[in-house]
Amino acid sequence: MHQVQNFRTNFAQDEIVDTATDKPVDAQVDRAELYDTDSSVRNVCFVWENGRKAFFNYAYLVSVDLVITETLNEMLLYFSGQIVTLKGYHLGSLFDLLLNHIPKTITATNPRYHTNGQTTDTIVTDIIVKSE
């Protein structure tokens, strides 16, 4: 392997830290598949309950806005030309993973399978894609 291609392996992988608690985040989010560290092309695939799928390249992710409320959280992912809205519970950990382009697949689940307060797992209940 040419030395330029080996450049990234000279650095240790930083731990992902939860911004609220300053504790390392486990790289496992319920219903989300994560990237291995050596992948060069990064896309995030959204999967709906009915089987619909859509993927977006991380290169076009401009910003992410997380709104945390006592009940349902909302995360807005601003891609070039489109806005993806995720609704769900405990989306803070998913936000931290998106900050480092780690999630590969994010799958929505029916909200009836979640009882608020019984779990701290990240659960996405709705995915909405709108063109700007």
C-alpha atoms as a PDB file:
ATOM      1  CA  MET A   1       0.000   0.000   0.000  1.00  0.00           C
ATOM      2  CA  HIS A   2       1.289   3.453  -0.886  1.00  0.00           C
ATOM      3  CA  GLN A   3       2.134   5.642   2.125  1.00  0.00           C
ATOM      4  CA  VAL A   4      -0.507   8.216   1.199  1.00  0.00           C
ATOM      5  CA  GLN A   5      -3.185   5.509   1.304  1.00  0.00           C
ATOM      6  CA  ASN A   6      -1.884   4.362   4.680  1.00  0.00           C
ATOM      7  CA  PHE A   7      -2.033   7.883   6.148  1.00  0.00           C
ATOM      8  CA  ARG A   8      -5.267   7.441   8.159  1.00  0.00           C
ATOM      9  CA  THR A   9      -3.999   4.303   9.892  1.00  0.00           C
ATOM     10  CA  ASN A  10      -1.282   6.314  11.612  1.00  0.00           C
ATOM     11  CA  PHE A  11      -3.850   7.841  13.961  1.00  0.00           C
ATOM     12  CA  ALA A  12      -5.726   6.134  16.777  1.00  0.00           C
ATOM     13  CA  GLN A  13      -9.513   6.152  16.567  1.00  0.00           C
ATOM     14  CA  ASP A  14     -11.036   8.687  18.937  1.00  0.00           C
ATOM     15  CA  GLU A  15     -13.798   7.543  21.237  1.00  0.00           C
ATOM     16  CA  ILE A  16     -17.241   8.950  20.607  1.00  0.00           C
ATOM     17  CA  VAL A  17     -18.300  10.935  23.654  1.00  0.00           C
ATOM     18  CA  ASP A  18     -21.868  11.839  24.639  1.00  0.00           C
ATOM     19  CA  THR A  19     -21.941  15.642  24.795  1.00  0.00           C
ATOM     20  CA  ALA A  20     -24.447  15.667  27.676  1.00  0.00           C
ATOM     21  CA  THR A  21     -22.634  13.277  30.035  1.00  0.00           C
ATOM     22  CA  ASP A  22     -19.028  13.362  28.715  1.00  0.00           C
ATOM     23  CA  LYS A  23     -19.032   9.550  28.820  1.00  0.00           C
ATOM     24  CA  PRO A  24     -18.002   7.298  25.919  1.00  0.00           C
ATOM     25  CA  VAL A  25     -20.935   6.281  23.737  1.00  0.00           C
ATOM     26  CA  ASP A  26     -21.394   2.630  22.902  1.00  0.00           C
ATOM     27  CA  ALA A  27     -21.317   2.427  19.104  1.00  0.00           C
ATOM     28  CA  GLN A  28     -24.516   0.398  19.104  1.00  0.00           C
ATOM     29  CA  VAL A  29     -27.868   2.063  18.538  1.00  0.00           C
ATOM     30  CA  ASP A  30     -31.043   0.009  18.467  1.00  0.00           C
ATOM     31  CA  ARG A  31     -32.249  -0.559  14.886  1.00  0.00           C
ATOM     32  CA  ALA A  32     -29.212   1.181  13.347  1.00  0.00           C
ATOM     33  CA  GLU A  33     -26.358  -0.514  11.489  1.00  0.00           C
ATOM     34  CA  LEU A  34     -22.981   1.199  11.878  1.00  0.00           C
ATOM     35  CA  TYR A  35     -19.984   1.551   9.557  1.00  0.00           C
ATOM     36  CA  ASP A  36     -16.684  -0.208  10.008  1.00  0.00           C
ATOM     37  CA  THR A  37     -13.862   2.286  10.468  1.00  0.00           C
ATOM     38  CA  ASP A  38     -12.140   1.595   7.115  1.00  0.00           C
ATOM     39  CA  SER A  39     -14.979   2.433   4.704  1.00  0.00           C
ATOM     40  CA  SER A  40     -14.173   5.221   2.231  1.00  0.00           C
ATOM     41  CA  VAL A  41     -17.657   5.987   0.843  1.00  0.00           C
ATOM     42  CA  ARG A  42     -20.191   6.943   3.472  1.00  0.00           C
ATOM     43  CA  ASN A  43     -23.936   6.799   2.866  1.00  0.00           C
ATOM     44  CA  VAL A  44     -26.755   6.683   5.370  1.00  0.00           C
ATOM     45  CA  CYS A  45     -29.750   4.513   4.451  1.00  0.00           C
ATOM     46  CA  PHE A  46     -33.187   5.194   5.933  1.00  0.00           C
ATOM     47  CA  VAL A  47     -35.617   2.264   6.133  1.00  0.00           C
ATOM     48  CA  TRP A  48     -39.345   2.671   6.763  1.00  0.00           C
ATOM     49  CA  GLU A  49     -41.641   0.073   8.336  1.00  0.00           C
ATOM     50  CA  ASN A  50     -43.272  -0.663   4.978  1.00  0.00           C
ATOM     51  CA  GLY A  51     -39.915  -1.601   3.413  1.00  0.00           C
ATOM     52  CA  ARG A  52     -39.250   1.684   1.608  1.00  0.00           C
ATOM     53  CA  LYS A  53     -35.570   2.657   1.576  1.00  0.00           C
ATOM     54  CA  ALA A  54     -33.659   5.821   0.674  1.00  0.00           C
ATOM     55  CA  PHE A  55     -29.977   6.612   1.061  1.00  0.00           C
ATOM     56  CA  PHE A  56     -28.066   9.877   1.166  1.00  0.00           C
ATOM     57  CA  ASN A  57     -24.337  10.503   0.915  1.00  0.00           C
ATOM     58  CA  TYR A  58     -22.760  12.037   4.003  1.00  0.00           C
ATOM     59  CA  ALA A  59     -20.826  14.442   1.750  1.00  0.00           C
ATOM     60  CA  TYR A  60     -24.112  16.298   1.178  1.00  0.00           C
ATOM     61  CA  LEU A  61     -25.079  16.477   4.867  1.00  0.00           C
ATOM     62  CA  VAL A  62     -24.806  20.175   5.693  1.00  0.00           C
ATOM     63  CA  SER A  63     -26.083  20.275   9.287  1.00  0.00           C
ATOM     64  CA  VAL A  64     -28.191  18.443  11.859  1.00  0.00           C
ATOM     65  CA  ASP A  65     -30.591  20.037  14.344  1.00  0.00           C
ATOM     66  CA  LEU A  66     -31.773  18.062  17.389  1.00  0.00           C
ATOM     67  CA  VAL A  67     -34.855  19.178  19.329  1.00  0.00           C
ATOM     68  CA  ILE A  68     -35.279  17.281  22.597  1.00  0.00           C
ATOM     69  CA  THR A  69     -38.610  17.410  24.409  1.00  0.00           C
ATOM     70  CA  GLU A  70     -40.028  15.405  27.290  1.00  0.00           C
ATOM     71  CA  THR A  71     -41.995  13.171  24.941  1.00  0.00           C
ATOM     72  CA  LEU A  72     -40.979  12.838  21.292  1.00  0.00           C
ATOM     73  CA  ASN A  73     -37.579  14.073  20.026  1.00  0.00           C
ATOM     74  CA  GLU A  74     -37.110  15.473  16.522  1.00  0.00           C
ATOM     75  CA  MET A  75     -33.930  15.559  14.466  1.00  0.00           C
ATOM     76  CA  LEU A  76     -33.633  17.530  11.219  1.00  0.00           C
ATOM     77  CA  LEU A  77     -30.890  16.423   8.822  1.00  0.00           C
ATOM     78  CA  TYR A  78     -30.218  19.078   6.188  1.00  0.00           C
ATOM     79  CA  PHE A  79     -28.849  17.502   3.018  1.00  0.00           C
ATOM     80  CA  SER A  80     -28.226  19.531  -0.147  1.00  0.00           C
ATOM     81  CA  GLY A  81     -31.707  19.903  -1.620  1.00  0.00           C
ATOM     82  CA  GLN A  82     -33.569  17.750   0.930  1.00  0.00           C
ATOM     83  CA  ILE A  83     -34.464  17.702   4.608  1.00  0.00           C
ATOM     84  CA  VAL A  84     -34.818  14.389   6.434  1.00  0.00           C
ATOM     85  CA  THR A  85     -36.816  14.575   9.669  1.00  0.00           C
ATOM     86  CA  LEU A  86     -36.443  11.803  12.228  1.00  0.00           C
ATOM     87  CA  LYS A  87     -38.910  11.542  15.093  1.00  0.00           C
ATOM     88  CA  GLY A  88     -38.397   9.237  18.025  1.00  0.00           C
ATOM     89  CA  TYR A  89     -37.127   8.712  21.546  1.00  0.00           C
ATOM     90  CA  HIS A  90     -33.653   9.273  23.026  1.00  0.00           C
ATOM     91  CA  LEU A  91     -32.163  10.623  19.770  1.00  0.00           C
ATOM     92  CA  GLY A  92     -29.161  12.214  21.527  1.00  0.00           C
ATOM     93  CA  SER A  93     -26.947   9.147  21.053  1.00  0.00           C
ATOM     94  CA  LEU A  94     -27.878   8.962  17.371  1.00  0.00           C
ATOM     95  CA  PHE A  95     -26.981  12.665  17.030  1.00  0.00           C
ATOM     96  CA  ASP A  96     -23.494  11.983  18.432  1.00  0.00           C
ATOM     97  CA  LEU A  97     -23.005   9.088  16.005  1.00  0.00           C
ATOM     98  CA  LEU A  98     -24.187  11.191  13.040  1.00  0.00           C
ATOM     99  CA  LEU A  99     -21.649  13.835  14.023  1.00  0.00           C
ATOM    100  CA  ASN A 100     -18.935  11.320  13.077  1.00  0.00           C
ATOM    101  CA  HIS A 101     -20.772   9.818  10.044  1.00  0.00           C
ATOM    102  CA  ILE A 102     -21.047   6.423  11.725  1.00  0.00           C
ATOM    103  CA  PRO A 103     -24.653   5.204  11.143  1.00  0.00           C
ATOM    104  CA  LYS A 104     -25.013   3.178   7.957  1.00  0.00           C
ATOM    105  CA  THR A 105     -28.696   2.234   8.311  1.00  0.00           C
ATOM    106  CA  ILE A 106     -31.415   3.867  10.406  1.00  0.00           C
ATOM    107  CA  THR A 107     -34.669   1.920  10.621  1.00  0.00           C
ATOM    108  CA  ALA A 108     -38.030   3.248  11.801  1.00  0.00           C
ATOM    109  CA  THR A 109     -40.131   1.127  14.131  1.00  0.00           C
ATOM    110  CA  ASN A 110     -43.768   1.361  15.120  1.00  0.00           C
ATOM    111  CA  PRO A 111     -44.187   3.610  18.186  1.00  0.00           C
ATOM    112  CA  ARG A 112     -46.616   1.154  19.767  1.00  0.00           C
ATOM    113  CA  TYR A 113     -43.629  -1.079  20.582  1.00  0.00           C
ATOM    114  CA  HIS A 114     -42.106   1.655  22.753  1.00  0.00           C
ATOM    115  CA  THR A 115     -43.308   2.540  26.228  1.00  0.00           C
ATOM    116  CA  ASN A 116     -41.879   5.907  27.229  1.00  0.00           C
ATOM    117  CA  GLY A 117     -39.679   5.729  30.306  1.00  0.00           C
ATOM    118  CA  GLN A 118     -39.010   1.979  30.187  1.00  0.00           C
ATOM    119  CA  THR A 119     -35.884   2.123  28.031  1.00  0.00           C
ATOM    120  CA  THR A 120     -33.059   4.495  27.177  1.00  0.00           C
ATOM    121  CA  ASP A 121     -32.472   2.944  23.735  1.00  0.00           C
ATOM    122  CA  THR A 122     -32.628   5.181  20.678  1.00  0.00           C
ATOM    123  CA  ILE A 123     -35.852   4.502  18.796  1.00  0.00           C
ATOM    124  CA  VAL A 124     -36.801   6.191  15.507  1.00  0.00           C
ATOM    125  CA  THR A 125     -40.565   6.111  14.980  1.00  0.00           C
ATOM    126  CA  ASP A 126     -40.979   8.261  11.861  1.00  0.00           C
ATOM    127  CA  ILE A 127     -38.859   9.321   8.880  1.00  0.00           C
ATOM    128  CA  ILE A 128     -39.991  12.205   6.660  1.00  0.00           C
ATOM    129  CA  VAL A 129     -38.102  13.312   3.517  1.00  0.00           C
ATOM    130  CA  LYS A 130     -38.918  16.709   1.991  1.00  0.00           C
ATOM    131  CA  SER A 131     -37.329  18.476  -0.968  1.00  0.00           C
ATOM    132  CA  GLU A 132     -36.247  22.071  -0.383  1.00  0.00           C
END
